[in-house]
């Protein structure tokens, strides 16, 4: 049974990571399945309602981000520079590809059906999850620190407080280039639910202009 925390609707999951948690993502089809990546080199799938660890796989270094492609195929990347996926039904792990530096961000865009990685090697790469294989590499103006997907658009935050908006249907050019209005380095970008804008944040939050 769940362990009740401070309020009745909070509880602590069993078999937690042994180091800092870098990302948490719910399954696209069920709010009961939670994917967690950690600095302890692991990616874990939890059944929240049953409070049990359903599956786990590892990288050779800290994992910085993860995402679901579908309910049984998560993707993850981190300091080992590798993009990995795992079939949660068979526990078979696959190294999809790699960057030349740490992978900081991993996202999936269902509208275009691509997995997207952003790296400290100053590139964004697209991956076809059907094969899986690399579908393109695109230079950025600095290390990628954060990304967000909204519809068929990709918003990328890089070193130098730069923000770029890409059209995932046509990555031949940058749709918009902006500089974050935050005083310090952008660490997080999230798109509005209505797909008309985004927020950028470090310690304080600033709402940016609409897309």
N, C-alpha and C. Protein backbone atom coordinates (compact mmCIF):
# COMPACT_ATOMS: atom_id res chain seq x y z
N UNK A 1 0.85 -1.19 0.00
CA UNK A 1 0.00 0.00 0.00
C UNK A 1 0.89 1.25 0.00
N UNK A 2 0.40 2.36 -0.61
CA UNK A 2 1.18 3.58 -0.60
C UNK A 2 1.46 4.08 0.81
N UNK A 3 2.63 4.68 0.98
CA UNK A 3 2.98 5.27 2.26
C UNK A 3 2.49 6.70 2.28
N UNK A 4 1.59 7.02 3.18
CA UNK A 4 1.00 8.35 3.23
C UNK A 4 2.04 9.36 3.71
N UNK A 5 2.13 10.48 3.02
CA UNK A 5 3.07 11.53 3.40
C UNK A 5 2.32 12.62 4.16
N UNK A 6 2.57 13.89 3.84
CA UNK A 6 2.00 14.98 4.60
C UNK A 6 0.49 15.13 4.38
N UNK A 7 0.01 14.80 3.21
CA UNK A 7 -1.41 14.90 2.91
C UNK A 7 -1.89 13.56 2.36
N UNK A 8 -3.20 13.30 2.42
CA UNK A 8 -3.72 12.00 1.99
C UNK A 8 -3.47 11.66 0.52
N UNK A 9 -3.27 12.68 -0.34
CA UNK A 9 -3.06 12.39 -1.74
C UNK A 9 -1.58 12.38 -2.13
N UNK A 10 -0.70 12.31 -1.15
CA UNK A 10 0.73 12.19 -1.39
C UNK A 10 1.25 10.88 -0.79
N UNK A 11 2.17 10.24 -1.48
CA UNK A 11 2.83 9.07 -0.91
C UNK A 11 4.20 8.89 -1.54
N UNK A 12 5.05 8.23 -0.80
CA UNK A 12 6.42 8.00 -1.24
C UNK A 12 6.51 6.66 -1.94
N UNK A 13 7.13 6.66 -3.14
CA UNK A 13 7.30 5.42 -3.88
C UNK A 13 8.43 4.59 -3.28
N UNK A 14 8.27 3.28 -3.33
CA UNK A 14 9.33 2.38 -2.89
C UNK A 14 10.41 2.25 -3.96
N UNK A 15 11.59 1.77 -3.56
CA UNK A 15 12.71 1.54 -4.48
C UNK A 15 13.08 2.80 -5.25
N UNK A 16 13.23 3.89 -4.52
CA UNK A 16 13.58 5.17 -5.15
C UNK A 16 15.03 5.16 -5.62
N UNK A 17 15.38 6.04 -6.59
CA UNK A 17 16.78 6.18 -6.99
C UNK A 17 17.65 6.56 -5.80
N UNK A 18 18.93 6.23 -5.90
CA UNK A 18 19.86 6.48 -4.80
C UNK A 18 20.60 7.79 -4.95
N UNK A 19 20.29 8.55 -6.00
CA UNK A 19 20.91 9.86 -6.22
C UNK A 19 19.83 10.80 -6.75
N UNK A 20 20.20 12.01 -7.12
CA UNK A 20 19.23 13.00 -7.54
C UNK A 20 18.41 12.57 -8.74
N UNK A 21 17.14 12.97 -8.76
CA UNK A 21 16.24 12.68 -9.87
C UNK A 21 16.35 13.81 -10.90
N UNK A 22 16.57 13.45 -12.15
CA UNK A 22 16.75 14.45 -13.21
C UNK A 22 15.49 14.72 -14.00
N UNK A 23 14.57 13.74 -14.08
CA UNK A 23 13.34 13.94 -14.84
C UNK A 23 12.29 12.93 -14.41
N UNK A 24 11.03 13.34 -14.49
CA UNK A 24 9.89 12.45 -14.25
C UNK A 24 8.88 12.68 -15.37
N UNK A 25 8.40 11.62 -15.98
CA UNK A 25 7.44 11.71 -17.08
C UNK A 25 6.36 10.65 -16.91
N UNK A 26 5.10 11.06 -17.00
CA UNK A 26 4.01 10.10 -16.96
C UNK A 26 3.80 9.48 -18.34
N UNK A 27 3.30 8.25 -18.35
CA UNK A 27 2.99 7.54 -19.58
C UNK A 27 1.95 8.33 -20.38
N UNK A 28 2.04 8.31 -21.71
CA UNK A 28 1.05 9.02 -22.54
C UNK A 28 -0.34 8.41 -22.48
N UNK A 29 -0.44 7.19 -21.96
CA UNK A 29 -1.75 6.51 -21.93
C UNK A 29 -2.26 6.22 -20.53
N UNK A 30 -1.43 6.45 -19.51
CA UNK A 30 -1.86 6.11 -18.15
C UNK A 30 -1.15 6.98 -17.13
N UNK A 31 -1.92 7.60 -16.25
CA UNK A 31 -1.34 8.41 -15.19
C UNK A 31 -0.80 7.54 -14.06
N UNK A 32 -0.94 6.23 -14.18
CA UNK A 32 -0.44 5.32 -13.15
C UNK A 32 1.00 4.89 -13.40
N UNK A 33 1.51 5.12 -14.61
CA UNK A 33 2.87 4.71 -14.95
C UNK A 33 3.77 5.93 -15.02
N UNK A 34 4.83 5.91 -14.23
CA UNK A 34 5.73 7.05 -14.10
C UNK A 34 7.16 6.64 -14.45
N UNK A 35 7.77 7.37 -15.37
CA UNK A 35 9.16 7.13 -15.78
C UNK A 35 10.06 8.12 -15.06
N UNK A 36 11.15 7.62 -14.48
CA UNK A 36 12.04 8.46 -13.67
C UNK A 36 13.49 8.20 -14.07
N UNK A 37 14.20 9.28 -14.40
CA UNK A 37 15.64 9.17 -14.67
C UNK A 37 16.42 9.80 -13.52
N UNK A 38 17.65 9.32 -13.33
CA UNK A 38 18.39 9.74 -12.14
C UNK A 38 19.90 9.82 -12.38
N UNK A 39 20.54 10.59 -11.50
CA UNK A 39 22.00 10.66 -11.49
C UNK A 39 22.63 9.36 -11.00
N UNK A 40 21.83 8.42 -10.52
CA UNK A 40 22.40 7.12 -10.13
C UNK A 40 22.54 6.18 -11.34
N UNK A 41 22.40 6.74 -12.55
CA UNK A 41 22.59 6.03 -13.83
C UNK A 41 21.40 5.17 -14.23
N UNK A 42 20.28 5.29 -13.53
CA UNK A 42 19.15 4.42 -13.82
C UNK A 42 17.98 5.17 -14.45
N UNK A 43 17.16 4.38 -15.16
CA UNK A 43 15.83 4.81 -15.61
C UNK A 43 14.86 3.79 -15.05
N UNK A 44 13.85 4.27 -14.33
CA UNK A 44 12.93 3.37 -13.63
C UNK A 44 11.49 3.65 -14.05
N UNK A 45 10.72 2.59 -14.17
CA UNK A 45 9.29 2.69 -14.45
C UNK A 45 8.53 2.23 -13.22
N UNK A 46 7.68 3.11 -12.71
CA UNK A 46 6.90 2.81 -11.51
C UNK A 46 5.42 2.65 -11.84
N UNK A 47 4.79 1.70 -11.18
CA UNK A 47 3.34 1.62 -11.13
C UNK A 47 2.92 2.41 -9.90
N UNK A 48 2.42 3.62 -10.12
CA UNK A 48 2.13 4.51 -9.00
C UNK A 48 1.02 3.95 -8.12
N UNK A 49 -0.03 3.42 -8.73
CA UNK A 49 -1.17 2.94 -7.95
C UNK A 49 -0.79 1.75 -7.08
N UNK A 50 0.07 0.87 -7.59
CA UNK A 50 0.50 -0.28 -6.81
C UNK A 50 1.74 -0.04 -5.99
N UNK A 51 2.37 1.13 -6.18
CA UNK A 51 3.61 1.50 -5.50
C UNK A 51 4.66 0.40 -5.65
N UNK A 52 4.94 0.05 -6.91
CA UNK A 52 6.01 -0.92 -7.14
C UNK A 52 6.81 -0.55 -8.37
N UNK A 53 8.05 -1.01 -8.37
CA UNK A 53 8.96 -0.77 -9.48
C UNK A 53 8.70 -1.82 -10.56
N UNK A 54 8.23 -1.38 -11.72
CA UNK A 54 7.86 -2.31 -12.79
C UNK A 54 9.07 -2.73 -13.63
N UNK A 55 9.98 -1.80 -13.84
CA UNK A 55 11.13 -2.10 -14.69
C UNK A 55 12.24 -1.10 -14.40
N UNK A 56 13.45 -1.47 -14.80
CA UNK A 56 14.60 -0.61 -14.59
C UNK A 56 15.69 -0.98 -15.58
N UNK A 57 16.33 0.04 -16.15
CA UNK A 57 17.54 -0.20 -16.95
C UNK A 57 18.53 0.91 -16.66
N UNK A 58 19.77 0.74 -17.07
CA UNK A 58 20.82 1.66 -16.65
C UNK A 58 21.66 2.15 -17.82
N UNK A 59 22.30 3.28 -17.58
CA UNK A 59 23.36 3.83 -18.42
C UNK A 59 24.68 3.68 -17.67
N UNK A 60 25.77 3.99 -18.35
CA UNK A 60 27.07 3.90 -17.69
C UNK A 60 27.40 5.16 -16.89
N UNK A 61 26.63 6.24 -17.10
CA UNK A 61 26.81 7.49 -16.35
C UNK A 61 25.43 8.06 -16.02
N UNK A 62 25.43 9.19 -15.35
CA UNK A 62 24.18 9.82 -14.93
C UNK A 62 23.23 10.05 -16.10
N UNK A 63 21.96 9.80 -15.86
CA UNK A 63 20.92 10.02 -16.87
C UNK A 63 20.29 11.39 -16.62
N UNK A 64 20.27 12.24 -17.66
CA UNK A 64 19.81 13.61 -17.48
C UNK A 64 18.37 13.85 -17.94
N UNK A 65 17.84 12.97 -18.78
CA UNK A 65 16.45 13.16 -19.22
C UNK A 65 15.92 11.87 -19.81
N UNK A 66 14.58 11.80 -19.92
CA UNK A 66 13.93 10.62 -20.47
C UNK A 66 12.57 11.02 -21.02
N UNK A 67 11.99 10.17 -21.85
CA UNK A 67 10.65 10.41 -22.36
C UNK A 67 10.05 9.08 -22.81
N UNK A 68 8.75 9.07 -22.99
CA UNK A 68 8.06 7.93 -23.58
C UNK A 68 7.89 8.15 -25.07
N UNK A 69 8.18 7.12 -25.87
CA UNK A 69 7.76 7.09 -27.27
C UNK A 69 6.35 6.51 -27.34
N UNK A 70 6.17 5.39 -26.67
CA UNK A 70 4.85 4.79 -26.47
C UNK A 70 4.88 4.15 -25.09
N UNK A 71 3.79 3.55 -24.63
CA UNK A 71 3.76 3.05 -23.25
C UNK A 71 4.82 2.01 -22.89
N UNK A 72 5.43 1.36 -23.88
CA UNK A 72 6.41 0.31 -23.56
C UNK A 72 7.81 0.61 -24.10
N UNK A 73 8.02 1.82 -24.64
CA UNK A 73 9.34 2.16 -25.19
C UNK A 73 9.77 3.55 -24.71
N UNK A 74 10.47 3.62 -23.58
CA UNK A 74 11.06 4.88 -23.15
C UNK A 74 12.39 5.13 -23.87
N UNK A 75 12.76 6.41 -23.94
CA UNK A 75 14.07 6.81 -24.45
C UNK A 75 14.76 7.62 -23.36
N UNK A 76 16.10 7.56 -23.33
CA UNK A 76 16.83 8.27 -22.29
C UNK A 76 18.23 8.62 -22.76
N UNK A 77 18.79 9.66 -22.16
CA UNK A 77 20.15 10.08 -22.49
C UNK A 77 20.78 10.80 -21.33
N UNK A 78 22.12 10.90 -21.36
CA UNK A 78 22.80 11.54 -20.24
C UNK A 78 24.27 11.76 -20.49
N UNK A 79 25.05 11.65 -19.43
CA UNK A 79 26.48 11.97 -19.49
C UNK A 79 27.28 10.97 -20.30
N UNK A 80 26.74 9.77 -20.54
CA UNK A 80 27.48 8.80 -21.35
C UNK A 80 27.34 9.06 -22.84
N UNK A 81 26.59 10.14 -23.20
CA UNK A 81 26.46 10.61 -24.58
C UNK A 81 25.63 9.69 -25.46
N UNK A 82 25.00 8.66 -24.88
CA UNK A 82 24.25 7.68 -25.66
C UNK A 82 22.74 7.88 -25.49
N UNK A 83 22.02 7.72 -26.60
CA UNK A 83 20.56 7.65 -26.55
C UNK A 83 20.17 6.18 -26.51
N UNK A 84 19.44 5.80 -25.46
CA UNK A 84 19.04 4.41 -25.31
C UNK A 84 17.52 4.29 -25.27
N UNK A 85 17.04 3.12 -25.69
CA UNK A 85 15.65 2.77 -25.50
C UNK A 85 15.57 1.36 -24.94
N UNK A 86 14.44 1.05 -24.35
CA UNK A 86 14.26 -0.26 -23.74
C UNK A 86 12.84 -0.74 -24.01
N UNK A 87 12.71 -1.99 -24.45
CA UNK A 87 11.40 -2.60 -24.59
C UNK A 87 10.98 -3.08 -23.20
N UNK A 88 10.00 -2.44 -22.62
CA UNK A 88 9.62 -2.76 -21.24
C UNK A 88 8.94 -4.11 -21.12
N UNK A 89 8.49 -4.68 -22.22
CA UNK A 89 7.88 -6.01 -22.18
C UNK A 89 8.94 -7.11 -22.12
N UNK A 90 10.06 -6.89 -22.84
CA UNK A 90 11.10 -7.91 -22.93
C UNK A 90 12.37 -7.54 -22.17
N UNK A 91 12.46 -6.27 -21.73
CA UNK A 91 13.66 -5.72 -21.06
C UNK A 91 14.87 -5.66 -21.99
N UNK A 92 14.64 -5.71 -23.30
CA UNK A 92 15.74 -5.60 -24.26
C UNK A 92 16.12 -4.14 -24.43
N UNK A 93 17.41 -3.83 -24.20
CA UNK A 93 17.93 -2.47 -24.32
C UNK A 93 18.61 -2.29 -25.67
N UNK A 94 18.48 -1.09 -26.24
CA UNK A 94 19.09 -0.77 -27.53
C UNK A 94 19.74 0.60 -27.46
N UNK A 95 20.99 0.69 -27.89
CA UNK A 95 21.65 1.98 -28.05
C UNK A 95 21.28 2.51 -29.44
N UNK A 96 20.50 3.58 -29.47
CA UNK A 96 19.99 4.12 -30.73
C UNK A 96 21.05 4.92 -31.46
N UNK A 97 21.84 5.68 -30.70
CA UNK A 97 22.87 6.52 -31.29
C UNK A 97 23.56 7.33 -30.21
N UNK A 98 24.33 8.32 -30.62
CA UNK A 98 25.08 9.08 -29.63
C UNK A 98 25.33 10.51 -30.10
N UNK A 99 25.73 11.34 -29.16
CA UNK A 99 26.21 12.70 -29.41
C UNK A 99 27.69 12.74 -29.07
N UNK A 100 28.32 13.88 -29.32
CA UNK A 100 29.74 14.05 -29.01
C UNK A 100 29.96 14.64 -27.62
N UNK A 101 28.87 14.89 -26.92
CA UNK A 101 28.93 15.35 -25.52
C UNK A 101 27.64 14.88 -24.85
N UNK A 102 27.47 15.24 -23.60
CA UNK A 102 26.31 14.77 -22.84
C UNK A 102 24.99 15.15 -23.52
N UNK A 103 24.02 14.25 -23.42
CA UNK A 103 22.66 14.52 -23.89
C UNK A 103 21.90 15.12 -22.72
N UNK A 104 21.49 16.37 -22.87
CA UNK A 104 20.80 17.06 -21.77
C UNK A 104 19.28 16.90 -21.84
N UNK A 105 18.71 16.82 -23.05
CA UNK A 105 17.26 16.81 -23.20
C UNK A 105 16.82 15.70 -24.15
N UNK A 106 15.71 15.05 -23.80
CA UNK A 106 15.11 14.01 -24.65
C UNK A 106 13.60 14.25 -24.68
N UNK A 107 13.05 14.45 -25.88
CA UNK A 107 11.63 14.70 -26.02
C UNK A 107 11.07 13.86 -27.17
N UNK A 108 9.76 13.64 -27.15
CA UNK A 108 9.08 12.97 -28.25
C UNK A 108 7.98 13.86 -28.80
N UNK A 109 7.90 13.96 -30.13
CA UNK A 109 6.86 14.75 -30.79
C UNK A 109 5.93 13.80 -31.53
N UNK A 110 4.72 13.57 -31.01
CA UNK A 110 3.80 12.64 -31.68
C UNK A 110 3.28 13.16 -33.02
N UNK A 111 3.20 14.49 -33.18
CA UNK A 111 2.70 15.03 -34.43
C UNK A 111 3.61 14.71 -35.61
N UNK A 112 4.91 14.66 -35.37
CA UNK A 112 5.88 14.37 -36.45
C UNK A 112 6.47 12.98 -36.29
N UNK A 113 6.21 12.34 -35.15
CA UNK A 113 6.71 11.00 -34.84
C UNK A 113 8.23 10.95 -34.87
N UNK A 114 8.85 11.82 -34.08
CA UNK A 114 10.30 11.80 -33.93
C UNK A 114 10.67 11.95 -32.45
N UNK A 115 11.75 11.29 -32.07
CA UNK A 115 12.39 11.53 -30.78
C UNK A 115 13.46 12.59 -31.01
N UNK A 116 13.57 13.52 -30.09
CA UNK A 116 14.48 14.65 -30.26
C UNK A 116 15.44 14.70 -29.08
N UNK A 117 16.72 14.88 -29.37
CA UNK A 117 17.72 15.02 -28.31
C UNK A 117 18.46 16.35 -28.47
N UNK A 118 18.74 16.98 -27.35
CA UNK A 118 19.54 18.19 -27.32
C UNK A 118 20.77 17.94 -26.47
N UNK A 119 21.91 18.41 -26.94
CA UNK A 119 23.18 18.02 -26.31
C UNK A 119 24.08 19.21 -26.02
N UNK A 120 25.02 18.96 -25.12
CA UNK A 120 26.06 19.94 -24.85
C UNK A 120 27.08 20.01 -25.99
N UNK A 121 26.94 19.17 -27.00
CA UNK A 121 27.81 19.29 -28.19
C UNK A 121 27.27 20.33 -29.17
N UNK A 122 26.25 21.09 -28.73
CA UNK A 122 25.66 22.19 -29.50
C UNK A 122 24.88 21.71 -30.72
N UNK A 123 24.26 20.55 -30.60
CA UNK A 123 23.41 20.07 -31.68
C UNK A 123 22.08 19.56 -31.12
N UNK A 124 21.08 19.57 -31.99
CA UNK A 124 19.82 18.87 -31.77
C UNK A 124 19.75 17.79 -32.83
N UNK A 125 19.39 16.57 -32.41
CA UNK A 125 19.27 15.47 -33.35
C UNK A 125 17.85 14.90 -33.31
N UNK A 126 17.37 14.50 -34.49
CA UNK A 126 16.09 13.83 -34.62
C UNK A 126 16.32 12.35 -34.85
N UNK A 127 15.44 11.52 -34.27
CA UNK A 127 15.57 10.07 -34.36
C UNK A 127 14.23 9.46 -34.75
N UNK A 128 14.27 8.58 -35.74
CA UNK A 128 13.07 7.87 -36.18
C UNK A 128 12.86 6.68 -35.26
N UNK A 129 11.81 6.67 -34.43
CA UNK A 129 11.63 5.59 -33.46
C UNK A 129 11.16 4.28 -34.09
N UNK A 130 10.79 4.30 -35.36
CA UNK A 130 10.32 3.07 -36.00
C UNK A 130 11.47 2.14 -36.33
N UNK A 131 12.67 2.69 -36.55
CA UNK A 131 13.78 1.85 -37.00
C UNK A 131 14.57 1.21 -35.86
N UNK A 132 15.06 1.92 -34.83
CA UNK A 132 15.23 3.38 -34.75
C UNK A 132 16.58 3.80 -35.34
N UNK A 133 16.64 5.05 -35.84
CA UNK A 133 17.89 5.53 -36.43
C UNK A 133 17.88 7.05 -36.45
N UNK A 134 19.04 7.64 -36.72
CA UNK A 134 19.16 9.09 -36.77
C UNK A 134 18.49 9.63 -38.03
N UNK A 135 17.75 10.74 -37.85
CA UNK A 135 17.03 11.34 -38.98
C UNK A 135 17.49 12.76 -39.26
N UNK A 136 18.60 13.17 -38.64
CA UNK A 136 19.14 14.49 -38.92
C UNK A 136 19.80 15.12 -37.71
N UNK A 137 20.80 15.97 -37.97
CA UNK A 137 21.52 16.67 -36.91
C UNK A 137 21.54 18.16 -37.27
N UNK A 138 21.27 19.02 -36.27
CA UNK A 138 21.10 20.45 -36.54
C UNK A 138 21.87 21.27 -35.50
N UNK A 139 22.77 22.12 -36.00
CA UNK A 139 23.63 22.91 -35.12
C UNK A 139 22.84 23.97 -34.38
N UNK A 140 23.25 24.19 -33.13
CA UNK A 140 22.67 25.23 -32.28
C UNK A 140 23.77 26.24 -31.91
N UNK A 141 23.39 27.43 -31.45
CA UNK A 141 24.40 28.46 -31.16
C UNK A 141 25.16 28.25 -29.86
N UNK A 142 24.83 27.19 -29.11
CA UNK A 142 25.52 26.92 -27.86
C UNK A 142 25.05 25.60 -27.29
N UNK A 143 25.56 25.26 -26.12
CA UNK A 143 25.12 24.04 -25.45
C UNK A 143 23.61 24.08 -25.23
N UNK A 144 22.94 22.96 -25.47
CA UNK A 144 21.50 22.88 -25.26
C UNK A 144 21.24 22.55 -23.79
N UNK A 145 20.47 23.43 -23.12
CA UNK A 145 20.17 23.24 -21.71
C UNK A 145 18.72 22.83 -21.46
N UNK A 146 17.83 23.16 -22.39
CA UNK A 146 16.42 22.85 -22.19
C UNK A 146 15.69 22.84 -23.53
N UNK A 147 14.63 22.04 -23.62
CA UNK A 147 13.81 21.97 -24.83
C UNK A 147 12.35 21.77 -24.44
N UNK A 148 11.46 22.17 -25.34
CA UNK A 148 10.03 21.90 -25.18
C UNK A 148 9.43 21.68 -26.56
N UNK A 149 8.48 20.76 -26.63
CA UNK A 149 7.77 20.47 -27.87
C UNK A 149 6.34 20.95 -27.72
N UNK A 150 5.85 21.67 -28.71
CA UNK A 150 4.46 22.10 -28.73
C UNK A 150 3.93 21.94 -30.15
N UNK A 151 3.05 20.98 -30.33
CA UNK A 151 2.60 20.66 -31.69
C UNK A 151 3.76 20.19 -32.52
N UNK A 152 3.97 20.82 -33.69
CA UNK A 152 5.10 20.46 -34.54
C UNK A 152 6.25 21.44 -34.40
N UNK A 153 6.27 22.22 -33.32
CA UNK A 153 7.36 23.16 -33.08
C UNK A 153 8.24 22.68 -31.94
N UNK A 154 9.53 22.99 -32.07
CA UNK A 154 10.52 22.68 -31.05
C UNK A 154 11.12 23.98 -30.55
N UNK A 155 11.08 24.17 -29.24
CA UNK A 155 11.68 25.36 -28.62
C UNK A 155 12.94 24.93 -27.89
N UNK A 156 14.05 25.57 -28.21
CA UNK A 156 15.36 25.17 -27.67
C UNK A 156 15.98 26.33 -26.91
N UNK A 157 16.41 26.08 -25.68
CA UNK A 157 17.15 27.07 -24.92
C UNK A 157 18.61 26.67 -24.82
N UNK A 158 19.50 27.57 -25.19
CA UNK A 158 20.93 27.25 -25.23
C UNK A 158 21.73 28.19 -24.34
N UNK A 159 23.03 27.92 -24.26
CA UNK A 159 23.96 28.83 -23.58
C UNK A 159 23.87 30.20 -24.24
N UNK A 160 24.20 31.23 -23.45
CA UNK A 160 24.12 32.58 -23.98
C UNK A 160 22.71 33.15 -23.92
N UNK A 161 21.79 32.47 -23.18
CA UNK A 161 20.40 32.90 -23.02
C UNK A 161 19.65 32.98 -24.35
N UNK A 162 20.07 32.17 -25.30
CA UNK A 162 19.40 32.17 -26.60
C UNK A 162 18.22 31.20 -26.60
N UNK A 163 17.18 31.57 -27.31
CA UNK A 163 15.99 30.73 -27.50
C UNK A 163 15.70 30.64 -28.99
N UNK A 164 15.59 29.41 -29.49
CA UNK A 164 15.32 29.19 -30.91
C UNK A 164 14.04 28.38 -31.06
N UNK A 165 13.24 28.73 -32.05
CA UNK A 165 12.02 27.99 -32.36
C UNK A 165 12.19 27.36 -33.74
N UNK A 166 12.04 26.04 -33.79
CA UNK A 166 12.19 25.27 -35.03
C UNK A 166 10.84 24.66 -35.42
N UNK A 167 10.63 24.54 -36.72
CA UNK A 167 9.50 23.79 -37.25
C UNK A 167 9.98 22.38 -37.55
N UNK A 168 9.50 21.39 -36.81
CA UNK A 168 9.99 20.02 -36.96
C UNK A 168 9.63 19.42 -38.32
N UNK A 169 8.71 20.03 -39.06
CA UNK A 169 8.38 19.54 -40.40
C UNK A 169 9.37 20.03 -41.43
N UNK A 170 10.11 21.10 -41.08
CA UNK A 170 11.10 21.66 -41.99
C UNK A 170 12.24 22.26 -41.16
N UNK A 171 13.25 21.44 -40.90
CA UNK A 171 14.37 21.86 -40.06
C UNK A 171 15.48 22.55 -40.86
N UNK A 172 15.16 23.00 -42.06
CA UNK A 172 16.16 23.64 -42.91
C UNK A 172 16.53 25.04 -42.46
N UNK A 173 15.71 25.65 -41.61
CA UNK A 173 16.00 26.99 -41.12
C UNK A 173 15.35 27.17 -39.76
N UNK A 174 15.86 28.17 -39.01
CA UNK A 174 15.30 28.48 -37.70
C UNK A 174 14.11 29.41 -37.89
N UNK A 175 12.98 29.04 -37.31
CA UNK A 175 11.77 29.85 -37.47
C UNK A 175 11.86 31.17 -36.71
N UNK A 176 12.41 31.11 -35.49
CA UNK A 176 12.59 32.33 -34.69
C UNK A 176 13.87 32.22 -33.88
N UNK A 177 14.54 33.36 -33.70
CA UNK A 177 15.70 33.45 -32.81
C UNK A 177 15.44 34.59 -31.83
N UNK A 178 15.61 34.30 -30.56
CA UNK A 178 15.39 35.32 -29.54
C UNK A 178 16.45 35.18 -28.44
N UNK A 179 16.52 36.23 -27.63
CA UNK A 179 17.36 36.18 -26.44
C UNK A 179 16.44 36.24 -25.24
N UNK A 180 16.65 35.35 -24.29
CA UNK A 180 15.80 35.31 -23.11
C UNK A 180 15.88 36.62 -22.35
N UNK A 181 14.75 37.06 -21.81
CA UNK A 181 14.71 38.29 -21.02
C UNK A 181 15.20 38.07 -19.60
N UNK A 182 15.49 36.82 -19.24
CA UNK A 182 16.04 36.55 -17.91
C UNK A 182 17.48 37.07 -17.82
N UNK A 183 17.87 37.50 -16.63
CA UNK A 183 19.21 38.03 -16.44
C UNK A 183 20.25 36.92 -16.51
N UNK A 184 19.87 35.71 -16.04
CA UNK A 184 20.82 34.61 -15.97
C UNK A 184 20.46 33.52 -16.98
N UNK A 185 21.29 32.52 -17.04
CA UNK A 185 21.15 31.46 -18.03
C UNK A 185 19.80 30.74 -17.95
N UNK A 186 19.17 30.52 -19.10
CA UNK A 186 17.90 29.79 -19.16
C UNK A 186 18.13 28.33 -18.80
N UNK A 187 17.33 27.82 -17.87
CA UNK A 187 17.45 26.43 -17.45
C UNK A 187 16.22 25.60 -17.76
N UNK A 188 15.10 26.26 -18.02
CA UNK A 188 13.88 25.51 -18.31
C UNK A 188 12.97 26.30 -19.23
N UNK A 189 12.45 25.62 -20.24
CA UNK A 189 11.44 26.19 -21.13
C UNK A 189 10.26 25.24 -21.15
N UNK A 190 9.05 25.81 -21.06
CA UNK A 190 7.83 25.01 -21.18
C UNK A 190 6.82 25.78 -22.04
N UNK A 191 6.16 25.05 -22.94
CA UNK A 191 5.21 25.66 -23.85
C UNK A 191 3.85 25.84 -23.19
N UNK A 192 3.11 26.86 -23.62
CA UNK A 192 1.75 27.05 -23.16
C UNK A 192 0.88 25.91 -23.68
N UNK A 193 -0.14 25.50 -22.92
CA UNK A 193 -1.05 24.44 -23.41
C UNK A 193 -1.76 24.81 -24.72
N UNK A 194 -1.99 26.11 -24.95
CA UNK A 194 -2.66 26.51 -26.20
C UNK A 194 -1.70 26.67 -27.38
N UNK A 195 -0.40 26.36 -27.15
CA UNK A 195 0.63 26.36 -28.19
C UNK A 195 0.93 27.75 -28.75
N UNK A 196 0.56 28.80 -28.03
CA UNK A 196 0.74 30.15 -28.51
C UNK A 196 1.93 30.88 -27.88
N UNK A 197 2.66 30.22 -27.00
CA UNK A 197 3.79 30.87 -26.37
C UNK A 197 4.53 29.91 -25.47
N UNK A 198 5.46 30.44 -24.68
CA UNK A 198 6.26 29.60 -23.80
C UNK A 198 6.74 30.41 -22.61
N UNK A 199 7.14 29.71 -21.56
CA UNK A 199 7.73 30.32 -20.37
C UNK A 199 9.19 29.91 -20.29
N UNK A 200 10.04 30.83 -19.84
CA UNK A 200 11.44 30.51 -19.58
C UNK A 200 11.71 30.78 -18.12
N UNK A 201 12.60 29.97 -17.54
CA UNK A 201 12.82 30.12 -16.10
C UNK A 201 14.24 29.75 -15.70
N UNK A 202 14.68 30.37 -14.62
CA UNK A 202 15.86 29.91 -13.89
C UNK A 202 15.46 29.84 -12.43
N UNK A 203 15.65 30.93 -11.70
CA UNK A 203 15.18 30.96 -10.33
C UNK A 203 13.82 31.66 -10.28
N UNK A 204 13.69 32.75 -11.06
CA UNK A 204 12.40 33.43 -11.18
C UNK A 204 11.83 33.08 -12.54
N UNK A 205 10.53 33.23 -12.71
CA UNK A 205 9.86 32.87 -13.96
C UNK A 205 9.51 34.12 -14.73
N UNK A 206 9.77 34.12 -16.03
CA UNK A 206 9.38 35.19 -16.90
C UNK A 206 8.56 34.63 -18.05
N UNK A 207 7.41 35.23 -18.33
CA UNK A 207 6.58 34.77 -19.43
C UNK A 207 7.01 35.49 -20.69
N UNK A 208 7.42 34.72 -21.69
CA UNK A 208 7.94 35.29 -22.91
C UNK A 208 6.81 35.69 -23.84
N UNK A 209 7.18 36.35 -24.93
CA UNK A 209 6.21 36.71 -25.95
C UNK A 209 5.62 35.47 -26.60
N UNK A 210 4.47 35.62 -27.24
CA UNK A 210 3.84 34.51 -27.94
C UNK A 210 4.68 34.08 -29.13
N UNK A 211 4.51 32.83 -29.52
CA UNK A 211 5.24 32.31 -30.68
C UNK A 211 4.81 33.04 -31.95
